[in-house]
Amino acid sequence: MAEVTTEETLRTLNNLPLLASQAAIELDALFRNVATESRATKALALWLSTSFQGLQEGPEHSFLVDPPTESLVTRAFQQAQWAISVRTVTDLSIEASKLANSLRDMRVDSDRKAMADARAFCAALAESAALYLHSQYFQGPKHPFRH
């Protein structure tokens, strides 16, 4: 099993605020019955499914979620007031998988509540990811000429 480094995690998370906010905008358009290509929504669904892939396969976990991803997605579920409370990594994996499948299938004629819930999740994820990246920026070493 390959270990994920902090740099790789940050590189992946760098685009997450924009991707999640674009997905929220696309879902908002669908909610208002405006057809859209849903590129960001499908890309976010792919990110969610690959981030938690392998957690539900068998009794032993063959994959570990990196802590920032786990924290951001859990926080987004909490802020979006997801119907199911996420208490374990397995719960998180199950809910993320369900959401990813739902995001892939979103259309103008989709269930309105599911659309609103997904939009709330995307908005919360965009905010959490932006705050996380902002905090990481200020944790780095300062330029030697700055005081």
Protein backbone atom coordinates (compact mmCIF):
# COMPACT_ATOMS: atom_id res chain seq x y z
CA MET A 1 0.00 0.00 0.00
CA ALA A 2 1.47 3.34 -1.03
CA GLU A 3 1.58 6.05 1.58
CA VAL A 4 0.01 9.41 0.73
CA THR A 5 2.24 12.35 1.57
CA THR A 6 1.09 15.69 2.91
CA GLU A 7 2.21 17.38 -0.31
CA GLU A 8 0.05 15.03 -2.44
CA THR A 9 -2.93 15.61 -0.17
CA LEU A 10 -2.53 19.38 -0.36
CA ARG A 11 -2.15 19.24 -4.15
CA THR A 12 -5.42 17.31 -4.40
CA LEU A 13 -7.16 19.62 -1.94
CA ASN A 14 -5.92 22.80 -3.65
CA ASN A 15 -8.69 22.63 -6.25
CA LEU A 16 -11.38 21.35 -3.90
CA PRO A 17 -12.87 24.71 -2.84
CA LEU A 18 -13.40 25.75 -6.46
CA LEU A 19 -14.64 22.33 -7.54
CA ALA A 20 -17.13 22.06 -4.66
CA SER A 21 -18.42 25.61 -5.17
CA GLN A 22 -18.86 25.02 -8.91
CA ALA A 23 -20.76 21.82 -8.12
CA ALA A 24 -23.01 23.77 -5.72
CA ILE A 25 -23.70 26.32 -8.48
CA GLU A 26 -24.53 23.55 -10.96
CA LEU A 27 -26.86 21.91 -8.45
CA ASP A 28 -28.50 25.26 -7.80
CA ALA A 29 -29.12 25.64 -11.54
CA LEU A 30 -30.63 22.15 -11.68
CA PHE A 31 -32.77 23.00 -8.67
CA ARG A 32 -34.11 25.99 -10.61
CA ASN A 33 -34.84 23.68 -13.59
CA VAL A 34 -31.97 25.00 -15.69
CA ALA A 35 -30.18 22.22 -17.56
CA THR A 36 -26.41 22.12 -17.10
CA GLU A 37 -23.58 19.80 -18.13
CA SER A 38 -22.73 19.17 -14.45
CA ARG A 39 -19.01 18.77 -15.10
CA ALA A 40 -17.97 19.92 -11.62
CA THR A 41 -20.69 17.81 -10.00
CA LYS A 42 -19.45 14.70 -11.80
CA ALA A 43 -15.83 15.55 -11.00
CA LEU A 44 -16.70 15.98 -7.32
CA ALA A 45 -18.54 12.63 -7.40
CA LEU A 46 -15.40 11.02 -8.82
CA TRP A 47 -13.23 12.66 -6.14
CA LEU A 48 -15.57 11.46 -3.38
CA SER A 49 -15.71 7.89 -4.67
CA THR A 50 -11.93 7.61 -5.15
CA SER A 51 -11.19 9.23 -1.78
CA PHE A 52 -13.10 6.53 0.07
CA GLN A 53 -12.56 3.62 -2.33
CA GLY A 54 -11.60 0.36 -0.66
CA LEU A 55 -13.03 1.12 2.79
CA GLN A 56 -16.05 -1.12 2.34
CA GLU A 57 -14.24 -4.12 0.87
CA GLY A 58 -14.08 -6.94 3.41
CA PRO A 59 -13.49 -7.01 7.16
CA GLU A 60 -10.03 -5.46 6.95
CA HIS A 61 -9.54 -1.98 5.60
CA SER A 62 -7.15 -2.03 2.68
CA PHE A 63 -7.14 1.74 2.33
CA LEU A 64 -6.74 4.59 4.77
CA VAL A 65 -8.32 7.99 4.24
CA ASP A 66 -5.94 10.89 4.66
CA PRO A 67 -6.92 12.96 7.74
CA PRO A 68 -7.64 16.24 5.91
CA THR A 69 -10.06 14.56 3.50
CA GLU A 70 -11.76 12.69 6.34
CA SER A 71 -12.08 15.87 8.38
CA LEU A 72 -13.33 18.06 5.52
CA VAL A 73 -15.96 15.60 4.31
CA THR A 74 -17.17 14.84 7.83
CA ARG A 75 -17.44 18.57 8.60
CA ALA A 76 -19.33 19.15 5.34
CA PHE A 77 -21.82 16.40 6.22
CA GLN A 78 -22.30 17.96 9.66
CA GLN A 79 -22.70 21.51 8.35
CA ALA A 80 -25.13 20.36 5.68
CA GLN A 81 -27.12 18.65 8.45
CA TRP A 82 -27.03 15.34 6.63
CA ALA A 83 -29.85 13.02 7.69
CA ILE A 84 -27.48 10.30 8.93
CA SER A 85 -24.92 11.23 11.54
CA VAL A 86 -21.41 10.20 10.57
CA ARG A 87 -19.68 8.66 13.57
CA THR A 88 -17.09 6.27 12.12
CA VAL A 89 -14.88 6.13 9.05
CA THR A 90 -17.09 3.31 7.76
CA ASP A 91 -20.19 5.54 8.15
CA LEU A 92 -18.32 8.28 6.34
CA SER A 93 -17.36 5.93 3.52
CA ILE A 94 -20.93 4.68 3.10
CA GLU A 95 -22.43 8.19 3.05
CA ALA A 96 -19.72 9.50 0.70
CA SER A 97 -20.37 6.60 -1.66
CA LYS A 98 -24.13 7.24 -1.61
CA LEU A 99 -23.59 10.93 -2.24
CA ALA A 100 -21.13 10.26 -5.07
CA ASN A 101 -23.69 8.00 -6.78
CA SER A 102 -26.39 10.61 -6.27
CA LEU A 103 -24.20 13.39 -7.69
CA ARG A 104 -23.42 11.32 -10.79
CA ASP A 105 -27.12 10.87 -11.48
CA MET A 106 -28.34 14.43 -10.77
CA ARG A 107 -30.63 15.86 -13.45
CA VAL A 108 -33.31 18.53 -13.64
CA ASP A 109 -35.97 15.93 -12.82
CA SER A 110 -34.11 14.52 -9.77
CA ASP A 111 -35.62 14.50 -6.29
CA ARG A 112 -35.73 18.10 -5.01
CA LYS A 113 -34.75 17.21 -1.43
CA ALA A 114 -31.76 15.14 -2.60
CA MET A 115 -30.72 18.03 -4.84
CA ALA A 116 -30.99 20.58 -2.01
CA ASP A 117 -29.09 18.29 0.39
CA ALA A 118 -26.32 17.72 -2.17
CA ARG A 119 -26.10 21.46 -2.85
CA ALA A 120 -25.81 22.16 0.91
CA PHE A 121 -23.05 19.55 1.19
CA CYS A 122 -21.12 21.04 -1.76
CA ALA A 123 -21.36 24.56 -0.33
CA ALA A 124 -20.21 23.35 3.10
CA LEU A 125 -17.34 21.37 1.54
CA ALA A 126 -16.21 24.40 -0.46
CA GLU A 127 -16.16 26.53 2.68
CA SER A 128 -14.37 23.92 4.79
CA ALA A 129 -11.77 23.22 2.11
CA ALA A 130 -11.08 26.94 1.62
CA LEU A 131 -10.62 27.44 5.36
CA TYR A 132 -8.34 24.41 5.55
CA LEU A 133 -6.13 25.62 2.71
CA HIS A 134 -6.02 29.09 4.22
CA SER A 135 -4.81 27.65 7.53
CA GLN A 136 -2.19 25.52 5.75
CA TYR A 137 -0.86 28.58 3.95
CA PHE A 138 -0.16 30.34 7.24
CA GLN A 139 1.47 27.26 8.80
CA GLY A 140 4.23 27.21 6.20
CA PRO A 141 7.59 28.82 6.78
CA LYS A 142 7.65 32.55 6.35
CA HIS A 143 9.87 34.22 3.82
CA PRO A 144 13.26 35.01 5.41
CA PHE A 145 12.93 38.73 4.73
CA ARG A 146 9.48 39.05 6.32
CA HIS A 147 9.15 39.96 9.98
